[in-house]
Structures are given as C-alpha cells and as structure tokens.
Amino acid sequence: MSYGREPREMHKAVCADCGKDCEVPFKPDPSRPVYCRECWEKRRGPRRGRY
C-alpha cells in the first residue's frame, strides 16, 4: 500500500564500489559516490535499534 504517497522517481546510477548498475531515489551528484544497496549496507555497518 502506498498510503497516499506517490511512488518515488528512481534514477539510474553505477555503484562506486562494485561497478554494478543500480537505481537510487535521488538524482546522483557526479562529484559524490553512489552505492548499490548491498555495498551501502556493508559500508554502513550494523544497524542499531531506533529507540
């Protein structure tokens, strides 16, 4: 369910770590690296609880 929110516009990008094609919910800035979901999870480290 979208709960009244419109779908995000996705933009094509290439992961700065593995070189894989991916899509991101923002317009990539050529001066900053973009990571695919898998590489982002590896770089971010373990998630802590929200509260």
N, C-alpha and C. Protein backbone atom coordinates (compact mmCIF):
# COMPACT_ATOMS: atom_id res chain seq x y z
N MET A 1 0.83 -1.20 0.00
CA MET A 1 0.00 0.00 0.00
C MET A 1 0.86 1.24 0.00
N SER A 2 0.44 2.25 -0.69
CA SER A 2 1.23 3.47 -0.77
C SER A 2 0.79 4.51 0.26
N TYR A 3 -0.38 4.34 0.88
CA TYR A 3 -0.87 5.26 1.90
C TYR A 3 -0.86 6.70 1.44
N GLY A 4 -1.28 6.93 0.19
CA GLY A 4 -1.41 8.28 -0.34
C GLY A 4 -0.12 8.91 -0.82
N ARG A 5 1.00 8.21 -0.69
CA ARG A 5 2.26 8.76 -1.18
C ARG A 5 2.48 8.34 -2.61
N GLU A 6 3.01 9.24 -3.39
CA GLU A 6 3.31 8.91 -4.78
C GLU A 6 4.60 8.11 -4.85
N PRO A 7 4.71 7.24 -5.85
CA PRO A 7 5.96 6.47 -5.98
C PRO A 7 7.14 7.40 -6.21
N ARG A 8 8.27 7.04 -5.65
CA ARG A 8 9.48 7.85 -5.84
C ARG A 8 9.99 7.71 -7.25
N GLU A 9 10.53 8.81 -7.76
CA GLU A 9 11.19 8.76 -9.06
C GLU A 9 12.58 8.18 -8.83
N MET A 10 12.91 7.14 -9.57
CA MET A 10 14.20 6.48 -9.41
C MET A 10 15.14 6.93 -10.53
N HIS A 11 16.44 7.01 -10.20
CA HIS A 11 17.46 7.44 -11.16
C HIS A 11 18.51 6.35 -11.29
N LYS A 12 18.94 6.13 -12.51
CA LYS A 12 19.97 5.11 -12.77
C LYS A 12 21.33 5.63 -12.32
N ALA A 13 22.13 4.72 -11.77
CA ALA A 13 23.47 5.07 -11.30
C ALA A 13 24.35 3.83 -11.39
N VAL A 14 25.64 4.02 -11.17
CA VAL A 14 26.61 2.92 -11.13
C VAL A 14 27.27 2.96 -9.76
N CYS A 15 27.29 1.81 -9.08
CA CYS A 15 27.88 1.73 -7.75
C CYS A 15 29.37 2.06 -7.79
N ALA A 16 29.80 2.92 -6.86
CA ALA A 16 31.20 3.33 -6.80
C ALA A 16 32.11 2.21 -6.29
N ASP A 17 31.55 1.21 -5.59
CA ASP A 17 32.37 0.11 -5.07
C ASP A 17 32.45 -1.05 -6.05
N CYS A 18 31.30 -1.61 -6.44
CA CYS A 18 31.32 -2.84 -7.24
C CYS A 18 31.10 -2.59 -8.73
N GLY A 19 30.69 -1.39 -9.12
CA GLY A 19 30.50 -1.07 -10.53
C GLY A 19 29.19 -1.56 -11.12
N LYS A 20 28.31 -2.10 -10.27
CA LYS A 20 27.03 -2.64 -10.72
C LYS A 20 26.04 -1.51 -11.00
N ASP A 21 25.21 -1.68 -12.04
CA ASP A 21 24.14 -0.72 -12.32
C ASP A 21 23.11 -0.82 -11.20
N CYS A 22 22.59 0.32 -10.77
CA CYS A 22 21.57 0.33 -9.72
C CYS A 22 20.66 1.53 -9.92
N GLU A 23 19.63 1.62 -9.11
CA GLU A 23 18.71 2.76 -9.15
C GLU A 23 18.65 3.35 -7.75
N VAL A 24 18.62 4.67 -7.69
CA VAL A 24 18.57 5.37 -6.40
C VAL A 24 17.42 6.38 -6.42
N PRO A 25 16.84 6.69 -5.24
CA PRO A 25 15.70 7.60 -5.18
C PRO A 25 16.08 9.08 -5.16
N PHE A 26 17.24 9.42 -5.67
CA PHE A 26 17.69 10.81 -5.75
C PHE A 26 18.51 10.98 -7.01
N LYS A 27 18.65 12.21 -7.47
CA LYS A 27 19.45 12.47 -8.66
C LYS A 27 20.93 12.45 -8.24
N PRO A 28 21.71 11.51 -8.78
CA PRO A 28 23.12 11.40 -8.38
C PRO A 28 23.92 12.65 -8.72
N ASP A 29 24.81 13.01 -7.81
CA ASP A 29 25.73 14.13 -7.99
C ASP A 29 27.05 13.54 -8.47
N PRO A 30 27.53 13.93 -9.65
CA PRO A 30 28.76 13.32 -10.20
C PRO A 30 29.98 13.48 -9.29
N SER A 31 29.98 14.44 -8.38
CA SER A 31 31.14 14.64 -7.51
C SER A 31 31.08 13.80 -6.24
N ARG A 32 29.98 13.02 -6.05
CA ARG A 32 29.85 12.18 -4.85
C ARG A 32 29.60 10.73 -5.26
N PRO A 33 30.15 9.77 -4.50
CA PRO A 33 29.94 8.36 -4.84
C PRO A 33 28.51 7.91 -4.56
N VAL A 34 28.04 6.95 -5.34
CA VAL A 34 26.74 6.33 -5.16
C VAL A 34 26.98 4.84 -4.98
N TYR A 35 26.26 4.21 -4.07
CA TYR A 35 26.45 2.80 -3.78
C TYR A 35 25.15 2.03 -3.99
N CYS A 36 25.27 0.78 -4.46
CA CYS A 36 24.10 -0.09 -4.57
C CYS A 36 23.69 -0.48 -3.15
N ARG A 37 22.53 -1.11 -3.03
CA ARG A 37 22.01 -1.47 -1.71
C ARG A 37 22.98 -2.36 -0.94
N GLU A 38 23.57 -3.35 -1.61
CA GLU A 38 24.47 -4.28 -0.93
C GLU A 38 25.72 -3.56 -0.41
N CYS A 39 26.34 -2.73 -1.25
CA CYS A 39 27.55 -2.02 -0.83
C CYS A 39 27.23 -0.99 0.25
N TRP A 40 26.07 -0.34 0.16
CA TRP A 40 25.66 0.63 1.18
C TRP A 40 25.53 -0.06 2.54
N GLU A 41 24.89 -1.24 2.55
CA GLU A 41 24.74 -1.98 3.80
C GLU A 41 26.10 -2.35 4.39
N LYS A 42 27.05 -2.77 3.54
CA LYS A 42 28.39 -3.13 4.02
C LYS A 42 29.10 -1.92 4.60
N ARG A 43 28.98 -0.77 3.95
CA ARG A 43 29.68 0.44 4.39
C ARG A 43 29.05 1.03 5.65
N ARG A 44 27.73 0.89 5.78
CA ARG A 44 27.01 1.50 6.89
C ARG A 44 27.26 0.78 8.20
N GLY A 45 27.50 -0.51 8.14
CA GLY A 45 27.75 -1.26 9.37
C GLY A 45 26.44 -1.75 9.98
N PRO A 46 26.51 -2.36 11.15
CA PRO A 46 25.32 -2.92 11.78
C PRO A 46 24.33 -1.84 12.19
N ARG A 47 23.05 -2.14 12.02
CA ARG A 47 22.00 -1.19 12.41
C ARG A 47 21.72 -1.30 13.89
N ARG A 48 21.52 -0.16 14.50
CA ARG A 48 21.10 -0.15 15.89
C ARG A 48 19.60 0.06 15.93
N GLY A 49 18.98 -0.27 17.02
CA GLY A 49 17.54 -0.06 17.17
C GLY A 49 17.18 1.40 17.05
N ARG A 50 15.96 1.66 16.66
CA ARG A 50 15.52 3.04 16.50
C ARG A 50 15.35 3.77 17.83
N TYR A 51 15.01 3.03 18.88
CA TYR A 51 14.69 3.70 20.14
C TYR A 51 15.68 3.39 21.21
